PDB file of all heavy atoms in Angstrom:
ATOM      1  N   ASN A   1      -8.241  10.802   0.351  1.00  0.00           N
ATOM      2  CA  ASN A   1      -6.940  10.341   0.806  1.00  0.00           C
ATOM      3  C   ASN A   1      -7.034   9.109   1.719  1.00  0.00           C
ATOM      4  O   ASN A   1      -6.434   8.058   1.441  1.00  0.00           O
ATOM      5  CB  ASN A   1      -6.217  11.478   1.533  1.00  0.00           C
ATOM      6  CG  ASN A   1      -4.747  11.204   1.779  1.00  0.00           C
ATOM      7  OD1 ASN A   1      -3.905  11.546   0.962  1.00  0.00           O
ATOM      8  ND2 ASN A   1      -4.416  10.575   2.901  1.00  0.00           N
ATOM      9  N   ASP A   2      -7.795   9.208   2.777  1.00  0.00           N
ATOM     10  CA  ASP A   2      -7.772   8.163   3.827  1.00  0.00           C
ATOM     11  C   ASP A   2      -8.515   6.899   3.382  1.00  0.00           C
ATOM     12  O   ASP A   2      -8.078   5.793   3.723  1.00  0.00           O
ATOM     13  CB  ASP A   2      -8.345   8.714   5.125  1.00  0.00           C
ATOM     14  CG  ASP A   2      -7.481   9.832   5.700  1.00  0.00           C
ATOM     15  OD1 ASP A   2      -6.442  10.152   5.065  1.00  0.00           O
ATOM     16  OD2 ASP A   2      -7.820  10.365   6.736  1.00  0.00           O
ATOM     17  N   LYS A   3      -9.590   7.050   2.622  1.00  0.00           N
ATOM     18  CA  LYS A   3     -10.268   5.844   2.094  1.00  0.00           C
ATOM     19  C   LYS A   3      -9.366   5.123   1.121  1.00  0.00           C
ATOM     20  O   LYS A   3      -9.382   3.877   1.056  1.00  0.00           O
ATOM     21  CB  LYS A   3     -11.594   6.225   1.443  1.00  0.00           C
ATOM     22  CG  LYS A   3     -12.689   6.672   2.409  1.00  0.00           C
ATOM     23  CD  LYS A   3     -13.989   6.947   1.691  1.00  0.00           C
ATOM     24  CE  LYS A   3     -15.066   7.441   2.661  1.00  0.00           C
ATOM     25  NZ  LYS A   3     -15.441   6.457   3.662  1.00  0.00           N
ATOM     26  N   THR A   4      -8.577   5.890   0.364  1.00  0.00           N
ATOM     27  CA  THR A   4      -7.630   5.272  -0.557  1.00  0.00           C
ATOM     28  C   THR A   4      -6.575   4.486   0.185  1.00  0.00           C
ATOM     29  O   THR A   4      -6.207   3.379  -0.181  1.00  0.00           O
ATOM     30  CB  THR A   4      -6.981   6.346  -1.456  1.00  0.00           C
ATOM     31  OG1 THR A   4      -7.998   6.980  -2.246  1.00  0.00           O
ATOM     32  CG2 THR A   4      -5.935   5.741  -2.352  1.00  0.00           C
ATOM     33  N   ILE A   5      -6.069   5.070   1.289  1.00  0.00           N
ATOM     34  CA  ILE A   5      -5.043   4.397   2.087  1.00  0.00           C
ATOM     35  C   ILE A   5      -5.539   3.036   2.585  1.00  0.00           C
ATOM     36  O   ILE A   5      -4.826   2.053   2.568  1.00  0.00           O
ATOM     37  CB  ILE A   5      -4.582   5.259   3.252  1.00  0.00           C
ATOM     38  CG1 ILE A   5      -3.744   6.436   2.734  1.00  0.00           C
ATOM     39  CG2 ILE A   5      -3.718   4.441   4.227  1.00  0.00           C
ATOM     40  CD1 ILE A   5      -3.301   7.404   3.807  1.00  0.00           C
ATOM     41  N   ASP A   6      -6.800   2.988   2.965  1.00  0.00           N
ATOM     42  CA  ASP A   6      -7.367   1.718   3.478  1.00  0.00           C
ATOM     43  C   ASP A   6      -7.196   0.587   2.461  1.00  0.00           C
ATOM     44  O   ASP A   6      -6.812  -0.525   2.801  1.00  0.00           O
ATOM     45  CB  ASP A   6      -8.838   1.905   3.828  1.00  0.00           C
ATOM     46  CG  ASP A   6      -9.039   2.744   5.080  1.00  0.00           C
ATOM     47  OD1 ASP A   6      -8.076   2.910   5.853  1.00  0.00           O
ATOM     48  OD2 ASP A   6     -10.161   3.273   5.266  1.00  0.00           O
ATOM     49  N   ILE A   7      -7.460   0.869   1.197  1.00  0.00           N
ATOM     50  CA  ILE A   7      -7.368  -0.174   0.186  1.00  0.00           C
ATOM     51  C   ILE A   7      -5.905  -0.370  -0.246  1.00  0.00           C
ATOM     52  O   ILE A   7      -5.490  -1.495  -0.593  1.00  0.00           O
ATOM     53  CB  ILE A   7      -8.281   0.103  -1.031  1.00  0.00           C
ATOM     54  CG1 ILE A   7      -8.397  -1.140  -1.916  1.00  0.00           C
ATOM     55  CG2 ILE A   7      -7.833   1.275  -1.851  1.00  0.00           C
ATOM     56  CD1 ILE A   7      -9.511  -1.086  -2.921  1.00  0.00           C
ATOM     57  N   LEU A   8      -5.095   0.680  -0.196  1.00  0.00           N
ATOM     58  CA  LEU A   8      -3.661   0.506  -0.503  1.00  0.00           C
ATOM     59  C   LEU A   8      -2.990  -0.433   0.476  1.00  0.00           C
ATOM     60  O   LEU A   8      -2.124  -1.214   0.095  1.00  0.00           O
ATOM     61  CB  LEU A   8      -2.960   1.877  -0.484  1.00  0.00           C
ATOM     62  CG  LEU A   8      -3.349   2.885  -1.571  1.00  0.00           C
ATOM     63  CD1 LEU A   8      -2.607   4.211  -1.319  1.00  0.00           C
ATOM     64  CD2 LEU A   8      -3.050   2.364  -2.973  1.00  0.00           C
ATOM     65  N   ILE A   9      -3.386  -0.364   1.745  1.00  0.00           N
ATOM     66  CA  ILE A   9      -2.832  -1.274   2.754  1.00  0.00           C
ATOM     67  C   ILE A   9      -3.159  -2.716   2.358  1.00  0.00           C
ATOM     68  O   ILE A   9      -2.283  -3.605   2.343  1.00  0.00           O
ATOM     69  CB  ILE A   9      -3.392  -0.962   4.134  1.00  0.00           C
ATOM     70  CG1 ILE A   9      -2.905   0.388   4.640  1.00  0.00           C
ATOM     71  CG2 ILE A   9      -3.001  -2.051   5.142  1.00  0.00           C
ATOM     72  CD1 ILE A   9      -3.649   0.872   5.875  1.00  0.00           C
ATOM     73  N   GLN A  10      -4.409  -2.968   2.001  1.00  0.00           N
ATOM     74  CA  GLN A  10      -4.813  -4.322   1.605  1.00  0.00           C
ATOM     75  C   GLN A  10      -4.071  -4.757   0.351  1.00  0.00           C
ATOM     76  O   GLN A  10      -3.644  -5.909   0.252  1.00  0.00           O
ATOM     77  CB  GLN A  10      -6.308  -4.357   1.362  1.00  0.00           C
ATOM     78  CG  GLN A  10      -7.169  -4.021   2.577  1.00  0.00           C
ATOM     79  CD  GLN A  10      -8.630  -4.000   2.234  1.00  0.00           C
ATOM     80  OE1 GLN A  10      -9.219  -5.019   1.837  1.00  0.00           O
ATOM     81  NE2 GLN A  10      -9.258  -2.815   2.368  1.00  0.00           N
ATOM     82  N   GLN A  11      -3.925  -3.846  -0.607  1.00  0.00           N
ATOM     83  CA  GLN A  11      -3.205  -4.179  -1.831  1.00  0.00           C
ATOM     84  C   GLN A  11      -1.764  -4.556  -1.534  1.00  0.00           C
ATOM     85  O   GLN A  11      -1.241  -5.541  -2.062  1.00  0.00           O
ATOM     86  CB  GLN A  11      -3.274  -2.970  -2.777  1.00  0.00           C
ATOM     87  CG  GLN A  11      -2.623  -3.226  -4.143  1.00  0.00           C
ATOM     88  CD  GLN A  11      -2.603  -1.983  -5.002  1.00  0.00           C
ATOM     89  OE1 GLN A  11      -2.639  -0.847  -4.505  1.00  0.00           O
ATOM     90  NE2 GLN A  11      -2.555  -2.173  -6.320  1.00  0.00           N
ATOM     91  N   ALA A  12      -1.092  -3.753  -0.725  1.00  0.00           N
ATOM     92  CA  ALA A  12       0.317  -4.032  -0.397  1.00  0.00           C
ATOM     93  C   ALA A  12       0.467  -5.367   0.315  1.00  0.00           C
ATOM     94  O   ALA A  12       1.411  -6.130   0.087  1.00  0.00           O
ATOM     95  CB  ALA A  12       0.877  -2.892   0.471  1.00  0.00           C
ATOM     96  N   LEU A  13      -0.454  -5.684   1.231  1.00  0.00           N
ATOM     97  CA  LEU A  13      -0.405  -6.979   1.933  1.00  0.00           C
ATOM     98  C   LEU A  13      -0.580  -8.144   0.955  1.00  0.00           C
ATOM     99  O   LEU A  13       0.139  -9.131   1.066  1.00  0.00           O
ATOM    100  CB  LEU A  13      -1.490  -7.022   3.035  1.00  0.00           C
ATOM    101  CG  LEU A  13      -1.206  -6.158   4.265  1.00  0.00           C
ATOM    102  CD1 LEU A  13      -2.466  -6.073   5.125  1.00  0.00           C
ATOM    103  CD2 LEU A  13      -0.055  -6.730   5.069  1.00  0.00           C
ATOM    104  N   VAL A  14      -1.514  -8.034   0.025  1.00  0.00           N
ATOM    105  CA  VAL A  14      -1.723  -9.086  -0.969  1.00  0.00           C
ATOM    106  C   VAL A  14      -0.457  -9.300  -1.777  1.00  0.00           C
ATOM    107  O   VAL A  14      -0.021 -10.437  -2.012  1.00  0.00           O
ATOM    108  CB  VAL A  14      -2.899  -8.725  -1.881  1.00  0.00           C
ATOM    109  CG1 VAL A  14      -2.925  -9.594  -3.143  1.00  0.00           C
ATOM    110  CG2 VAL A  14      -4.225  -8.884  -1.145  1.00  0.00           C
ATOM    111  N   GLN A  15       0.185  -8.206  -2.206  1.00  0.00           N
ATOM    112  CA  GLN A  15       1.398  -8.306  -3.021  1.00  0.00           C
ATOM    113  C   GLN A  15       2.539  -8.937  -2.225  1.00  0.00           C
ATOM    114  O   GLN A  15       3.227  -9.824  -2.708  1.00  0.00           O
ATOM    115  CB  GLN A  15       1.776  -6.914  -3.507  1.00  0.00           C
ATOM    116  CG  GLN A  15       0.792  -6.281  -4.471  1.00  0.00           C
ATOM    117  CD  GLN A  15       1.111  -4.838  -4.752  1.00  0.00           C
ATOM    118  OE1 GLN A  15       1.991  -4.265  -4.144  1.00  0.00           O
ATOM    119  NE2 GLN A  15       0.376  -4.228  -5.670  1.00  0.00           N
ATOM    120  N   ALA A  16       2.744  -8.467  -1.015  1.00  0.00           N
ATOM    121  CA  ALA A  16       3.817  -8.979  -0.190  1.00  0.00           C
ATOM    122  C   ALA A  16       3.647 -10.462   0.124  1.00  0.00           C
ATOM    123  O   ALA A  16       4.624 -11.237   0.080  1.00  0.00           O
ATOM    124  CB  ALA A  16       3.918  -8.167   1.111  1.00  0.00           C
ATOM    125  N   GLU A  17       2.430 -10.859   0.425  1.00  0.00           N
ATOM    126  CA  GLU A  17       2.189 -12.266   0.749  1.00  0.00           C
ATOM    127  C   GLU A  17       2.222 -13.150  -0.485  1.00  0.00           C
ATOM    128  O   GLU A  17       2.401 -14.364  -0.359  1.00  0.00           O
ATOM    129  CB  GLU A  17       0.882 -12.371   1.511  1.00  0.00           C
ATOM    130  CG  GLU A  17       0.989 -11.748   2.897  1.00  0.00           C
ATOM    131  CD  GLU A  17      -0.327 -11.739   3.675  1.00  0.00           C
ATOM    132  OE1 GLU A  17      -1.409 -11.896   3.028  1.00  0.00           O
ATOM    133  OE2 GLU A  17      -0.277 -11.558   4.900  1.00  0.00           O
ATOM    134  N   ALA A  18       2.115 -12.535  -1.680  1.00  0.00           N
ATOM    135  CA  ALA A  18       2.215 -13.318  -2.936  1.00  0.00           C
ATOM    136  C   ALA A  18       3.685 -13.459  -3.361  1.00  0.00           C
ATOM    137  O   ALA A  18       3.948 -14.205  -4.332  1.00  0.00           O
ATOM    138  CB  ALA A  18       1.419 -12.650  -4.046  1.00  0.00           C
ATOM    139  N   GLY A  19       4.596 -12.749  -2.689  1.00  0.00           N
ATOM    140  CA  GLY A  19       6.004 -12.931  -3.016  1.00  0.00           C
ATOM    141  C   GLY A  19       6.756 -11.691  -3.405  1.00  0.00           C
ATOM    142  O   GLY A  19       7.960 -11.742  -3.633  1.00  0.00           O
ATOM    143  N   ALA A  20       6.073 -10.541  -3.496  1.00  0.00           N
ATOM    144  CA  ALA A  20       6.804  -9.312  -3.803  1.00  0.00           C
ATOM    145  C   ALA A  20       7.842  -9.025  -2.720  1.00  0.00           C
ATOM    146  O   ALA A  20       7.558  -9.120  -1.518  1.00  0.00           O
ATOM    147  CB  ALA A  20       5.824  -8.121  -3.897  1.00  0.00           C
ATOM    148  N   ASP A  21       9.054  -8.715  -3.125  1.00  0.00           N
ATOM    149  CA  ASP A  21      10.110  -8.358  -2.204  1.00  0.00           C
ATOM    150  C   ASP A  21       9.987  -6.897  -1.783  1.00  0.00           C
ATOM    151  O   ASP A  21      10.349  -6.545  -0.651  1.00  0.00           O
ATOM    152  CB  ASP A  21      11.473  -8.568  -2.844  1.00  0.00           C
ATOM    153  CG  ASP A  21      11.680  -9.977  -3.295  1.00  0.00           C
ATOM    154  OD1 ASP A  21      11.824 -10.865  -2.422  1.00  0.00           O
ATOM    155  OD2 ASP A  21      11.669 -10.224  -4.516  1.00  0.00           O
ATOM    156  N   VAL A  22       9.524  -6.070  -2.708  1.00  0.00           N
ATOM    157  CA  VAL A  22       9.436  -4.617  -2.474  1.00  0.00           C
ATOM    158  C   VAL A  22       8.060  -4.157  -2.920  1.00  0.00           C
ATOM    159  O   VAL A  22       7.621  -4.493  -4.043  1.00  0.00           O
ATOM    160  CB  VAL A  22      10.492  -3.847  -3.305  1.00  0.00           C
ATOM    161  CG1 VAL A  22      10.468  -2.352  -2.973  1.00  0.00           C
ATOM    162  CG2 VAL A  22      11.876  -4.431  -3.079  1.00  0.00           C
ATOM    163  N   VAL A  23       7.376  -3.395  -2.092  1.00  0.00           N
ATOM    164  CA  VAL A  23       6.157  -2.722  -2.558  1.00  0.00           C
ATOM    165  C   VAL A  23       6.522  -1.266  -2.816  1.00  0.00           C
ATOM    166  O   VAL A  23       7.314  -0.670  -2.064  1.00  0.00           O
ATOM    167  CB  VAL A  23       4.998  -2.867  -1.570  1.00  0.00           C
ATOM    168  CG1 VAL A  23       4.573  -4.285  -1.384  1.00  0.00           C
ATOM    169  CG2 VAL A  23       5.307  -2.202  -0.218  1.00  0.00           C
ATOM    170  N   ALA A  24       5.981  -0.723  -3.881  1.00  0.00           N
ATOM    171  CA  ALA A  24       6.370   0.625  -4.327  1.00  0.00           C
ATOM    172  C   ALA A  24       5.131   1.497  -4.474  1.00  0.00           C
ATOM    173  O   ALA A  24       4.546   1.550  -5.567  1.00  0.00           O
ATOM    174  CB  ALA A  24       7.133   0.555  -5.639  1.00  0.00           C
ATOM    175  N   PRO A  25       4.690   2.134  -3.403  1.00  0.00           N
ATOM    176  CA  PRO A  25       3.501   2.997  -3.505  1.00  0.00           C
ATOM    177  C   PRO A  25       3.757   4.200  -4.403  1.00  0.00           C
ATOM    178  O   PRO A  25       4.660   5.005  -4.140  1.00  0.00           O
ATOM    179  CB  PRO A  25       3.284   3.434  -2.039  1.00  0.00           C
ATOM    180  CG  PRO A  25       3.969   2.411  -1.210  1.00  0.00           C
ATOM    181  CD  PRO A  25       5.170   2.009  -2.022  1.00  0.00           C
ATOM    182  N   SER A  26       2.989   4.295  -5.466  1.00  0.00           N
ATOM    183  CA  SER A  26       3.182   5.372  -6.454  1.00  0.00           C
ATOM    184  C   SER A  26       2.003   6.340  -6.453  1.00  0.00           C
ATOM    185  O   SER A  26       1.929   7.179  -7.333  1.00  0.00           O
ATOM    186  CB  SER A  26       3.385   4.776  -7.863  1.00  0.00           C
ATOM    187  OG  SER A  26       2.195   4.115  -8.274  1.00  0.00           O
ATOM    188  N   ASP A  27       1.126   6.205  -5.489  1.00  0.00           N
ATOM    189  CA  ASP A  27      -0.169   6.914  -5.513  1.00  0.00           C
ATOM    190  C   ASP A  27      -0.078   8.355  -5.034  1.00  0.00           C
ATOM    191  O   ASP A  27      -0.937   9.175  -5.325  1.00  0.00           O
ATOM    192  CB  ASP A  27      -1.112   6.174  -4.589  1.00  0.00           C
ATOM    193  CG  ASP A  27      -0.534   6.048  -3.190  1.00  0.00           C
ATOM    194  OD1 ASP A  27       0.420   5.246  -2.990  1.00  0.00           O
ATOM    195  OD2 ASP A  27      -0.964   6.774  -2.291  1.00  0.00           O
ATOM    196  N   MET A  28       0.930   8.659  -4.195  1.00  0.00           N
ATOM    197  CA  MET A  28       1.152   9.992  -3.635  1.00  0.00           C
ATOM    198  C   MET A  28       0.055  10.447  -2.660  1.00  0.00           C
ATOM    199  O   MET A  28      -0.162  11.646  -2.455  1.00  0.00           O
ATOM    200  CB  MET A  28       1.341  11.042  -4.736  1.00  0.00           C
ATOM    201  CG  MET A  28       2.633  10.906  -5.506  1.00  0.00           C
ATOM    202  SD  MET A  28       4.110  11.091  -4.477  1.00  0.00           S
ATOM    203  CE  MET A  28       4.095  12.834  -4.115  1.00  0.00           C
ATOM    204  N   MET A  29      -0.619   9.491  -2.000  1.00  0.00           N
ATOM    205  CA  MET A  29      -1.502   9.841  -0.899  1.00  0.00           C
ATOM    206  C   MET A  29      -0.670  10.184   0.324  1.00  0.00           C
ATOM    207  O   MET A  29       0.376   9.566   0.558  1.00  0.00           O
ATOM    208  CB  MET A  29      -2.438   8.688  -0.551  1.00  0.00           C
ATOM    209  CG  MET A  29      -3.394   8.297  -1.680  1.00  0.00           C
ATOM    210  SD  MET A  29      -4.510   9.588  -2.211  1.00  0.00           S
ATOM    211  CE  MET A  29      -3.993   9.783  -3.906  1.00  0.00           C
ATOM    212  N   ASP A  30      -1.101  11.128   1.114  1.00  0.00           N
ATOM    213  CA  ASP A  30      -0.419  11.507   2.344  1.00  0.00           C
ATOM    214  C   ASP A  30      -0.555  10.409   3.390  1.00  0.00           C
ATOM    215  O   ASP A  30      -1.654   9.947   3.650  1.00  0.00           O
ATOM    216  CB  ASP A  30      -0.988  12.821   2.927  1.00  0.00           C
ATOM    217  CG  ASP A  30      -0.739  14.030   2.029  1.00  0.00           C
ATOM    218  OD1 ASP A  30       0.215  13.990   1.231  1.00  0.00           O
ATOM    219  OD2 ASP A  30      -1.553  14.980   2.107  1.00  0.00           O
ATOM    220  N   GLY A  31       0.575   9.998   3.959  1.00  0.00           N
ATOM    221  CA  GLY A  31       0.550   9.071   5.078  1.00  0.00           C
ATOM    222  C   GLY A  31       0.505   7.603   4.734  1.00  0.00           C
ATOM    223  O   GLY A  31       0.518   6.750   5.608  1.00  0.00           O
ATOM    224  N   ARG A  32       0.536   7.269   3.437  1.00  0.00           N
ATOM    225  CA  ARG A  32       0.343   5.849   3.117  1.00  0.00           C
ATOM    226  C   ARG A  32       1.520   5.005   3.462  1.00  0.00           C
ATOM    227  O   ARG A  32       1.397   3.824   3.792  1.00  0.00           O
ATOM    228  CB  ARG A  32      -0.085   5.679   1.659  1.00  0.00           C
ATOM    229  CG  ARG A  32       1.081   5.582   0.611  1.00  0.00           C
ATOM    230  CD  ARG A  32       1.601   6.914   0.221  1.00  0.00           C
ATOM    231  NE  ARG A  32       2.282   6.841  -1.067  1.00  0.00           N
ATOM    232  CZ  ARG A  32       3.329   7.573  -1.371  1.00  0.00           C
ATOM    233  NH1 ARG A  32       3.858   8.406  -0.499  1.00  0.00           N
ATOM    234  NH2 ARG A  32       3.910   7.445  -2.556  1.00  0.00           N
ATOM    235  N   ILE A  33       2.732   5.554   3.452  1.00  0.00           N
ATOM    236  CA  ILE A  33       3.923   4.761   3.792  1.00  0.00           C
ATOM    237  C   ILE A  33       3.853   4.269   5.226  1.00  0.00           C
ATOM    238  O   ILE A  33       4.061   3.088   5.522  1.00  0.00           O
ATOM    239  CB  ILE A  33       5.213   5.574   3.556  1.00  0.00           C
ATOM    240  CG1 ILE A  33       5.324   6.017   2.100  1.00  0.00           C
ATOM    241  CG2 ILE A  33       6.425   4.731   3.959  1.00  0.00           C
ATOM    242  CD1 ILE A  33       5.379   4.890   1.089  1.00  0.00           C
ATOM    243  N   GLY A  34       3.558   5.161   6.141  1.00  0.00           N
ATOM    244  CA  GLY A  34       3.471   4.784   7.535  1.00  0.00           C
ATOM    245  C   GLY A  34       2.418   3.747   7.802  1.00  0.00           C
ATOM    246  O   GLY A  34       2.622   2.796   8.601  1.00  0.00           O
ATOM    247  N   GLU A  35       1.281   3.860   7.155  1.00  0.00           N
ATOM    248  CA  GLU A  35       0.177   2.904   7.408  1.00  0.00           C
ATOM    249  C   GLU A  35       0.528   1.539   6.832  1.00  0.00           C
ATOM    250  O   GLU A  35       0.231   0.498   7.416  1.00  0.00           O
ATOM    251  CB  GLU A  35      -1.123   3.442   6.816  1.00  0.00           C
ATOM    252  CG  GLU A  35      -1.643   4.696   7.515  1.00  0.00           C
ATOM    253  CD  GLU A  35      -1.809   4.512   9.001  1.00  0.00           C
ATOM    254  OE1 GLU A  35      -2.409   3.484   9.410  1.00  0.00           O
ATOM    255  OE2 GLU A  35      -1.352   5.370   9.770  1.00  0.00           O
TER     256      GLU A  35
END
């Protein structure tokens, strides 16, 4: 769970900075929205 969240954070940042208006976490890891 937690190692996955670490890379999901980086992924979301890359997407947002590339122009995504909305990031949509579909992974179902616990706690990833808050992080």
